[in-house]
Full PDB file with SEQRES, HELIX, SHEET, SSBOND, CRYST1, ORIGX, SCALE, CONECT and MASTER records, all heavy atoms in Angstrom:
SEQRES   1 A   32  SER PHE ASP THR HIS ALA ASN ILE PRO LYS HIS PHE ASN          
SEQRES   2 A   32  ALA VAL ASP ALA ALA ALA LYS ALA SER GLY ASN VAL GLY          
SEQRES   3 A   32  ILE ILE SER VAL GLY TRP                                      
HELIX    1 AA1 HIS A    5  ASN A    7  5                                   3    
HELIX    2 AA2 ILE A    8  SER A   22  1                                  15    
CRYST1    1.000    1.000    1.000  90.00  90.00  90.00 P 1           1          
ORIGX1      1.000000  0.000000  0.000000        0.00000                         
ORIGX2      0.000000  1.000000  0.000000        0.00000                         
ORIGX3      0.000000  0.000000  1.000000        0.00000                         
SCALE1      1.000000  0.000000  0.000000        0.00000                         
SCALE2      0.000000  1.000000  0.000000        0.00000                         
SCALE3      0.000000  0.000000  1.000000        0.00000                         
ATOM      1  N   SER A   1      16.562   5.556  -3.211  1.00  0.00           N  
ATOM      2  CA  SER A   1      15.735   5.187  -4.321  1.00  0.00           C  
ATOM      3  C   SER A   1      15.459   3.608  -4.233  1.00  0.00           C  
ATOM      4  O   SER A   1      15.420   2.990  -5.238  1.00  0.00           O  
ATOM      5  CB  SER A   1      16.456   5.457  -5.632  1.00  0.00           C  
ATOM      6  OG  SER A   1      17.697   4.855  -5.685  1.00  0.00           O  
ATOM      7  N   PHE A   2      15.169   3.184  -3.002  1.00  0.00           N  
ATOM      8  CA  PHE A   2      14.930   1.741  -2.798  1.00  0.00           C  
ATOM      9  C   PHE A   2      13.728   1.399  -3.646  1.00  0.00           C  
ATOM     10  O   PHE A   2      12.625   1.876  -3.586  1.00  0.00           O  
ATOM     11  CB  PHE A   2      14.536   1.537  -1.354  1.00  0.00           C  
ATOM     12  CG  PHE A   2      14.291   0.057  -0.930  1.00  0.00           C  
ATOM     13  CD1 PHE A   2      15.421  -0.746  -0.665  1.00  0.00           C  
ATOM     14  CD2 PHE A   2      12.998  -0.357  -0.801  1.00  0.00           C  
ATOM     15  CE1 PHE A   2      15.157  -2.049  -0.317  1.00  0.00           C  
ATOM     16  CE2 PHE A   2      12.824  -1.711  -0.480  1.00  0.00           C  
ATOM     17  CZ  PHE A   2      13.939  -2.586  -0.248  1.00  0.00           C  
ATOM     18  N   ASP A   3      13.973   0.301  -4.526  1.00  0.00           N  
ATOM     19  CA  ASP A   3      12.914   0.005  -5.505  1.00  0.00           C  
ATOM     20  C   ASP A   3      12.451  -1.559  -5.540  1.00  0.00           C  
ATOM     21  O   ASP A   3      11.901  -1.956  -6.495  1.00  0.00           O  
ATOM     22  CB  ASP A   3      13.453   0.377  -6.917  1.00  0.00           C  
ATOM     23  CG  ASP A   3      14.661  -0.416  -7.395  1.00  0.00           C  
ATOM     24  OD1 ASP A   3      15.152  -1.262  -6.578  1.00  0.00           O  
ATOM     25  OD2 ASP A   3      15.084  -0.213  -8.486  1.00  0.00           O  
ATOM     26  N   THR A   4      12.794  -2.252  -4.423  1.00  0.00           N  
ATOM     27  CA  THR A   4      12.219  -3.561  -4.341  1.00  0.00           C  
ATOM     28  C   THR A   4      10.816  -3.459  -3.733  1.00  0.00           C  
ATOM     29  O   THR A   4      10.618  -3.349  -2.527  1.00  0.00           O  
ATOM     30  CB  THR A   4      13.089  -4.472  -3.441  1.00  0.00           C  
ATOM     31  OG1 THR A   4      14.447  -4.355  -3.952  1.00  0.00           O  
ATOM     32  CG2 THR A   4      12.614  -5.901  -3.490  1.00  0.00           C  
ATOM     33  N   HIS A   5       9.794  -3.349  -4.570  1.00  0.00           N  
ATOM     34  CA  HIS A   5       8.422  -2.997  -4.237  1.00  0.00           C  
ATOM     35  C   HIS A   5       7.927  -3.892  -3.029  1.00  0.00           C  
ATOM     36  O   HIS A   5       7.287  -3.392  -2.130  1.00  0.00           O  
ATOM     37  CB  HIS A   5       7.476  -3.164  -5.390  1.00  0.00           C  
ATOM     38  CG  HIS A   5       7.701  -2.119  -6.462  1.00  0.00           C  
ATOM     39  ND1 HIS A   5       6.926  -0.994  -6.579  1.00  0.00           N  
ATOM     40  CD2 HIS A   5       8.606  -2.072  -7.440  1.00  0.00           C  
ATOM     41  CE1 HIS A   5       7.377  -0.238  -7.538  1.00  0.00           C  
ATOM     42  NE2 HIS A   5       8.413  -0.841  -8.136  1.00  0.00           N  
ATOM     43  N   ALA A   6       8.227  -5.209  -3.083  1.00  0.00           N  
ATOM     44  CA  ALA A   6       7.621  -6.096  -2.117  1.00  0.00           C  
ATOM     45  C   ALA A   6       8.223  -5.821  -0.683  1.00  0.00           C  
ATOM     46  O   ALA A   6       7.562  -6.153   0.293  1.00  0.00           O  
ATOM     47  CB  ALA A   6       8.000  -7.561  -2.520  1.00  0.00           C  
ATOM     48  N   ASN A   7       9.397  -5.188  -0.645  1.00  0.00           N  
ATOM     49  CA  ASN A   7      10.037  -4.986   0.664  1.00  0.00           C  
ATOM     50  C   ASN A   7       9.995  -3.538   1.159  1.00  0.00           C  
ATOM     51  O   ASN A   7      10.543  -3.200   2.194  1.00  0.00           O  
ATOM     52  CB  ASN A   7      11.570  -5.426   0.619  1.00  0.00           C  
ATOM     53  CG  ASN A   7      11.733  -6.876   0.432  1.00  0.00           C  
ATOM     54  OD1 ASN A   7      10.785  -7.688   0.753  1.00  0.00           O  
ATOM     55  ND2 ASN A   7      12.848  -7.262  -0.195  1.00  0.00           N  
ATOM     56  N   ILE A   8       9.210  -2.735   0.432  1.00  0.00           N  
ATOM     57  CA  ILE A   8       9.068  -1.307   0.867  1.00  0.00           C  
ATOM     58  C   ILE A   8       8.505  -1.156   2.236  1.00  0.00           C  
ATOM     59  O   ILE A   8       8.994  -0.391   3.094  1.00  0.00           O  
ATOM     60  CB  ILE A   8       8.241  -0.469  -0.231  1.00  0.00           C  
ATOM     61  CG1 ILE A   8       9.152  -0.265  -1.465  1.00  0.00           C  
ATOM     62  CG2 ILE A   8       7.843   0.853   0.382  1.00  0.00           C  
ATOM     63  CD1 ILE A   8       8.424   0.486  -2.614  1.00  0.00           C  
ATOM     64  N   PRO A   9       7.406  -1.929   2.623  1.00  0.00           N  
ATOM     65  CA  PRO A   9       6.883  -1.736   3.977  1.00  0.00           C  
ATOM     66  C   PRO A   9       7.921  -2.010   5.111  1.00  0.00           C  
ATOM     67  O   PRO A   9       8.030  -1.317   6.090  1.00  0.00           O  
ATOM     68  CB  PRO A   9       5.734  -2.678   4.039  1.00  0.00           C  
ATOM     69  CG  PRO A   9       5.289  -2.806   2.566  1.00  0.00           C  
ATOM     70  CD  PRO A   9       6.538  -2.810   1.814  1.00  0.00           C  
ATOM     71  N   LYS A  10       8.663  -3.050   4.833  1.00  0.00           N  
ATOM     72  CA  LYS A  10       9.709  -3.378   5.886  1.00  0.00           C  
ATOM     73  C   LYS A  10      10.776  -2.428   5.979  1.00  0.00           C  
ATOM     74  O   LYS A  10      11.209  -1.979   6.988  1.00  0.00           O  
ATOM     75  CB  LYS A  10      10.350  -4.829   5.527  1.00  0.00           C  
ATOM     76  CG  LYS A  10      11.474  -5.302   6.395  1.00  0.00           C  
ATOM     77  CD  LYS A  10      12.052  -6.615   6.029  1.00  0.00           C  
ATOM     78  CE  LYS A  10      13.135  -7.034   6.843  1.00  0.00           C  
ATOM     79  NZ  LYS A  10      13.759  -8.380   6.442  1.00  0.00           N  
ATOM     80  N   HIS A  11      11.222  -1.894   4.801  1.00  0.00           N  
ATOM     81  CA  HIS A  11      12.288  -0.871   4.740  1.00  0.00           C  
ATOM     82  C   HIS A  11      11.730   0.458   5.371  1.00  0.00           C  
ATOM     83  O   HIS A  11      12.449   1.094   6.149  1.00  0.00           O  
ATOM     84  CB  HIS A  11      12.579  -0.608   3.287  1.00  0.00           C  
ATOM     85  CG  HIS A  11      13.757   0.372   3.039  1.00  0.00           C  
ATOM     86  ND1 HIS A  11      15.026   0.208   3.638  1.00  0.00           N  
ATOM     87  CD2 HIS A  11      13.880   1.504   2.275  1.00  0.00           C  
ATOM     88  CE1 HIS A  11      15.778   1.190   3.291  1.00  0.00           C  
ATOM     89  NE2 HIS A  11      15.109   1.943   2.471  1.00  0.00           N  
ATOM     90  N   PHE A  12      10.470   0.813   5.037  1.00  0.00           N  
ATOM     91  CA  PHE A  12       9.871   1.974   5.754  1.00  0.00           C  
ATOM     92  C   PHE A  12       9.957   1.843   7.213  1.00  0.00           C  
ATOM     93  O   PHE A  12      10.397   2.879   7.940  1.00  0.00           O  
ATOM     94  CB  PHE A  12       8.423   2.064   5.203  1.00  0.00           C  
ATOM     95  CG  PHE A  12       7.748   3.360   5.785  1.00  0.00           C  
ATOM     96  CD1 PHE A  12       7.642   4.456   5.112  1.00  0.00           C  
ATOM     97  CD2 PHE A  12       7.122   3.248   7.087  1.00  0.00           C  
ATOM     98  CE1 PHE A  12       6.996   5.575   5.617  1.00  0.00           C  
ATOM     99  CE2 PHE A  12       6.443   4.375   7.571  1.00  0.00           C  
ATOM    100  CZ  PHE A  12       6.414   5.542   6.893  1.00  0.00           C  
ATOM    101  N   ASN A  13       9.558   0.802   7.796  1.00  0.00           N  
ATOM    102  CA  ASN A  13       9.526   0.652   9.275  1.00  0.00           C  
ATOM    103  C   ASN A  13      10.899   0.715   9.906  1.00  0.00           C  
ATOM    104  O   ASN A  13      11.004   1.375  10.917  1.00  0.00           O  
ATOM    105  CB  ASN A  13       8.942  -0.768   9.653  1.00  0.00           C  
ATOM    106  CG  ASN A  13       7.473  -0.822   9.259  1.00  0.00           C  
ATOM    107  OD1 ASN A  13       6.721   0.199   9.306  1.00  0.00           O  
ATOM    108  ND2 ASN A  13       6.946  -2.043   9.104  1.00  0.00           N  
ATOM    109  N   ALA A  14      11.910   0.183   9.240  1.00  0.00           N  
ATOM    110  CA  ALA A  14      13.302   0.276   9.700  1.00  0.00           C  
ATOM    111  C   ALA A  14      13.803   1.796   9.672  1.00  0.00           C  
ATOM    112  O   ALA A  14      14.342   2.257  10.648  1.00  0.00           O  
ATOM    113  CB  ALA A  14      14.183  -0.612   8.921  1.00  0.00           C  
ATOM    114  N   VAL A  15      13.477   2.461   8.582  1.00  0.00           N  
ATOM    115  CA  VAL A  15      13.989   3.843   8.409  1.00  0.00           C  
ATOM    116  C   VAL A  15      13.131   4.741   9.409  1.00  0.00           C  
ATOM    117  O   VAL A  15      13.640   5.619   9.983  1.00  0.00           O  
ATOM    118  CB  VAL A  15      13.825   4.324   7.008  1.00  0.00           C  
ATOM    119  CG1 VAL A  15      14.179   5.744   6.894  1.00  0.00           C  
ATOM    120  CG2 VAL A  15      14.734   3.467   6.137  1.00  0.00           C  
ATOM    121  N   ASP A  16      11.906   4.476   9.474  1.00  0.00           N  
ATOM    122  CA  ASP A  16      11.025   5.344  10.335  1.00  0.00           C  
ATOM    123  C   ASP A  16      11.434   5.349  11.791  1.00  0.00           C  
ATOM    124  O   ASP A  16      11.562   6.393  12.484  1.00  0.00           O  
ATOM    125  CB  ASP A  16       9.620   4.840  10.221  1.00  0.00           C  
ATOM    126  CG  ASP A  16       8.604   5.861  10.857  1.00  0.00           C  
ATOM    127  OD1 ASP A  16       8.631   7.053  10.555  1.00  0.00           O  
ATOM    128  OD2 ASP A  16       7.716   5.367  11.606  1.00  0.00           O  
ATOM    129  N   ALA A  17      11.812   4.124  12.338  1.00  0.00           N  
ATOM    130  CA  ALA A  17      12.241   4.020  13.781  1.00  0.00           C  
ATOM    131  C   ALA A  17      13.525   4.817  13.920  1.00  0.00           C  
ATOM    132  O   ALA A  17      13.626   5.589  14.844  1.00  0.00           O  
ATOM    133  CB  ALA A  17      12.457   2.602  14.111  1.00  0.00           C  
ATOM    134  N   ALA A  18      14.504   4.652  13.003  1.00  0.00           N  
ATOM    135  CA  ALA A  18      15.761   5.430  13.132  1.00  0.00           C  
ATOM    136  C   ALA A  18      15.606   6.912  12.956  1.00  0.00           C  
ATOM    137  O   ALA A  18      16.232   7.692  13.663  1.00  0.00           O  
ATOM    138  CB  ALA A  18      16.756   4.823  12.176  1.00  0.00           C  
ATOM    139  N   ALA A  19      14.791   7.293  11.983  1.00  0.00           N  
ATOM    140  CA  ALA A  19      14.538   8.712  11.679  1.00  0.00           C  
ATOM    141  C   ALA A  19      13.912   9.431  12.915  1.00  0.00           C  
ATOM    142  O   ALA A  19      14.231  10.495  13.288  1.00  0.00           O  
ATOM    143  CB  ALA A  19      13.743   8.888  10.465  1.00  0.00           C  
ATOM    144  N   LYS A  20      12.824   8.737  13.444  1.00  0.00           N  
ATOM    145  CA  LYS A  20      12.138   9.367  14.643  1.00  0.00           C  
ATOM    146  C   LYS A  20      13.074   9.503  15.807  1.00  0.00           C  
ATOM    147  O   LYS A  20      13.114  10.466  16.549  1.00  0.00           O  
ATOM    148  CB  LYS A  20      10.975   8.554  14.971  1.00  0.00           C  
ATOM    149  CG  LYS A  20       9.823   8.861  13.951  1.00  0.00           C  
ATOM    150  CD  LYS A  20       8.571   7.987  14.254  1.00  0.00           C  
ATOM    151  CE  LYS A  20       7.479   8.255  13.310  1.00  0.00           C  
ATOM    152  NZ  LYS A  20       6.323   7.371  13.514  1.00  0.00           N  
ATOM    153  N   ALA A  21      13.940   8.483  15.960  1.00  0.00           N  
ATOM    154  CA  ALA A  21      14.983   8.505  17.096  1.00  0.00           C  
ATOM    155  C   ALA A  21      15.918   9.686  16.995  1.00  0.00           C  
ATOM    156  O   ALA A  21      16.323  10.299  17.927  1.00  0.00           O  
ATOM    157  CB  ALA A  21      15.610   7.181  17.233  1.00  0.00           C  
ATOM    158  N   SER A  22      16.294  10.011  15.686  1.00  0.00           N  
ATOM    159  CA  SER A  22      17.267  11.086  15.464  1.00  0.00           C  
ATOM    160  C   SER A  22      16.674  12.416  15.209  1.00  0.00           C  
ATOM    161  O   SER A  22      17.389  13.456  15.239  1.00  0.00           O  
ATOM    162  CB  SER A  22      18.146  10.691  14.310  1.00  0.00           C  
ATOM    163  OG  SER A  22      17.385  10.640  13.111  1.00  0.00           O  
ATOM    164  N   GLY A  23      15.342  12.457  14.980  1.00  0.00           N  
ATOM    165  CA  GLY A  23      14.700  13.686  14.623  1.00  0.00           C  
ATOM    166  C   GLY A  23      14.892  14.162  13.162  1.00  0.00           C  
ATOM    167  O   GLY A  23      14.590  15.323  12.906  1.00  0.00           O  
ATOM    168  N   ASN A  24      15.367  13.235  12.319  1.00  0.00           N  
ATOM    169  CA  ASN A  24      15.550  13.543  10.935  1.00  0.00           C  
ATOM    170  C   ASN A  24      14.506  13.054  10.090  1.00  0.00           C  
ATOM    171  O   ASN A  24      13.610  12.306  10.473  1.00  0.00           O  
ATOM    172  CB  ASN A  24      16.896  13.055  10.494  1.00  0.00           C  
ATOM    173  CG  ASN A  24      18.068  13.721  11.086  1.00  0.00           C  
ATOM    174  OD1 ASN A  24      18.090  14.947  11.333  1.00  0.00           O  
ATOM    175  ND2 ASN A  24      19.026  12.961  11.448  1.00  0.00           N  
ATOM    176  N   VAL A  25      14.470  13.516   8.817  1.00  0.00           N  
ATOM    177  CA  VAL A  25      13.501  13.084   7.805  1.00  0.00           C  
ATOM    178  C   VAL A  25      14.192  12.079   6.912  1.00  0.00           C  
ATOM    179  O   VAL A  25      15.269  12.466   6.304  1.00  0.00           O  
ATOM    180  CB  VAL A  25      12.885  14.256   6.961  1.00  0.00           C  
ATOM    181  CG1 VAL A  25      12.089  13.804   5.841  1.00  0.00           C  
ATOM    182  CG2 VAL A  25      12.047  15.164   7.928  1.00  0.00           C  
ATOM    183  N   GLY A  26      13.634  10.997   6.586  1.00  0.00           N  
ATOM    184  CA  GLY A  26      14.086  10.143   5.580  1.00  0.00           C  
ATOM    185  C   GLY A  26      13.020   9.795   4.518  1.00  0.00           C  
ATOM    186  O   GLY A  26      11.935   9.288   4.892  1.00  0.00           O  
ATOM    187  N   ILE A  27      13.306  10.147   3.292  1.00  0.00           N  
ATOM    188  CA  ILE A  27      12.289   9.853   2.267  1.00  0.00           C  
ATOM    189  C   ILE A  27      12.880   8.717   1.414  1.00  0.00           C  
ATOM    190  O   ILE A  27      13.912   8.792   0.848  1.00  0.00           O  
ATOM    191  CB  ILE A  27      12.077  11.096   1.378  1.00  0.00           C  
ATOM    192  CG1 ILE A  27      11.702  12.351   2.221  1.00  0.00           C  
ATOM    193  CG2 ILE A  27      10.844  10.851   0.348  1.00  0.00           C  
ATOM    194  CD1 ILE A  27      11.391  13.602   1.460  1.00  0.00           C  
ATOM    195  N   ILE A  28      12.051   7.635   1.343  1.00  0.00           N  
ATOM    196  CA  ILE A  28      12.510   6.398   0.659  1.00  0.00           C  
ATOM    197  C   ILE A  28      11.737   6.184  -0.596  1.00  0.00           C  
ATOM    198  O   ILE A  28      10.728   6.721  -0.892  1.00  0.00           O  
ATOM    199  CB  ILE A  28      12.346   5.255   1.582  1.00  0.00           C  
ATOM    200  CG1 ILE A  28      10.811   4.887   1.788  1.00  0.00           C  
ATOM    201  CG2 ILE A  28      13.069   5.343   2.857  1.00  0.00           C  
ATOM    202  CD1 ILE A  28      10.585   3.446   2.397  1.00  0.00           C  
ATOM    203  N   SER A  29      12.328   5.300  -1.399  1.00  0.00           N  
ATOM    204  CA  SER A  29      11.724   4.854  -2.736  1.00  0.00           C  
ATOM    205  C   SER A  29      11.371   5.990  -3.608  1.00  0.00           C  
ATOM    206  O   SER A  29      10.277   6.121  -4.174  1.00  0.00           O  
ATOM    207  CB  SER A  29      10.496   4.054  -2.351  1.00  0.00           C  
ATOM    208  OG  SER A  29      10.896   2.868  -1.669  1.00  0.00           O  
ATOM    209  N   VAL A  30      12.294   6.919  -3.713  1.00  0.00           N  
ATOM    210  CA  VAL A  30      12.188   8.101  -4.628  1.00  0.00           C  
ATOM    211  C   VAL A  30      12.822   7.811  -6.038  1.00  0.00           C  
ATOM    212  O   VAL A  30      13.894   7.289  -6.083  1.00  0.00           O  
ATOM    213  CB  VAL A  30      12.843   9.276  -3.993  1.00  0.00           C  
ATOM    214  CG1 VAL A  30      12.886  10.514  -4.984  1.00  0.00           C  
ATOM    215  CG2 VAL A  30      12.228   9.641  -2.683  1.00  0.00           C  
ATOM    216  N   GLY A  31      12.077   8.126  -7.051  1.00  0.00           N  
ATOM    217  CA  GLY A  31      12.552   7.952  -8.386  1.00  0.00           C  
ATOM    218  C   GLY A  31      11.319   8.012  -9.334  1.00  0.00           C  
ATOM    219  O   GLY A  31      10.436   8.772  -9.073  1.00  0.00           O  
ATOM    220  N   TRP A  32      11.285   7.135 -10.352  1.00  0.00           N  
ATOM    221  CA  TRP A  32      10.108   7.227 -11.155  1.00  0.00           C  
ATOM    222  C   TRP A  32       9.155   5.998 -10.947  1.00  0.00           C  
ATOM    223  O   TRP A  32       8.044   6.124 -11.191  1.00  0.00           O  
ATOM    224  CB  TRP A  32      10.513   7.423 -12.713  1.00  0.00           C  
ATOM    225  CG  TRP A  32      11.425   6.568 -13.351  1.00  0.00           C  
ATOM    226  CD1 TRP A  32      12.773   6.554 -13.313  1.00  0.00           C  
ATOM    227  CD2 TRP A  32      11.070   5.450 -14.151  1.00  0.00           C  
ATOM    228  NE1 TRP A  32      13.296   5.550 -14.069  1.00  0.00           N  
ATOM    229  CE2 TRP A  32      12.251   4.792 -14.533  1.00  0.00           C  
ATOM    230  CE3 TRP A  32       9.867   4.899 -14.565  1.00  0.00           C  
ATOM    231  CZ2 TRP A  32      12.352   3.669 -15.458  1.00  0.00           C  
ATOM    232  CZ3 TRP A  32       9.894   3.737 -15.452  1.00  0.00           C  
ATOM    233  CH2 TRP A  32      11.060   3.098 -15.867  1.00  0.00           C  
TER     234      TRP A  32                                                      
MASTER        0    0    0    2    0    0    0    6  233    1    0    3          
END                                                                             
């Protein structure tokens, strides 16, 4: 539920690289 709006693009890139390397799905910034 990462909610620091200004840092979402940076967080996305970090998670995307790790998730693709492992073959898993990571859904970030989930909430309202």
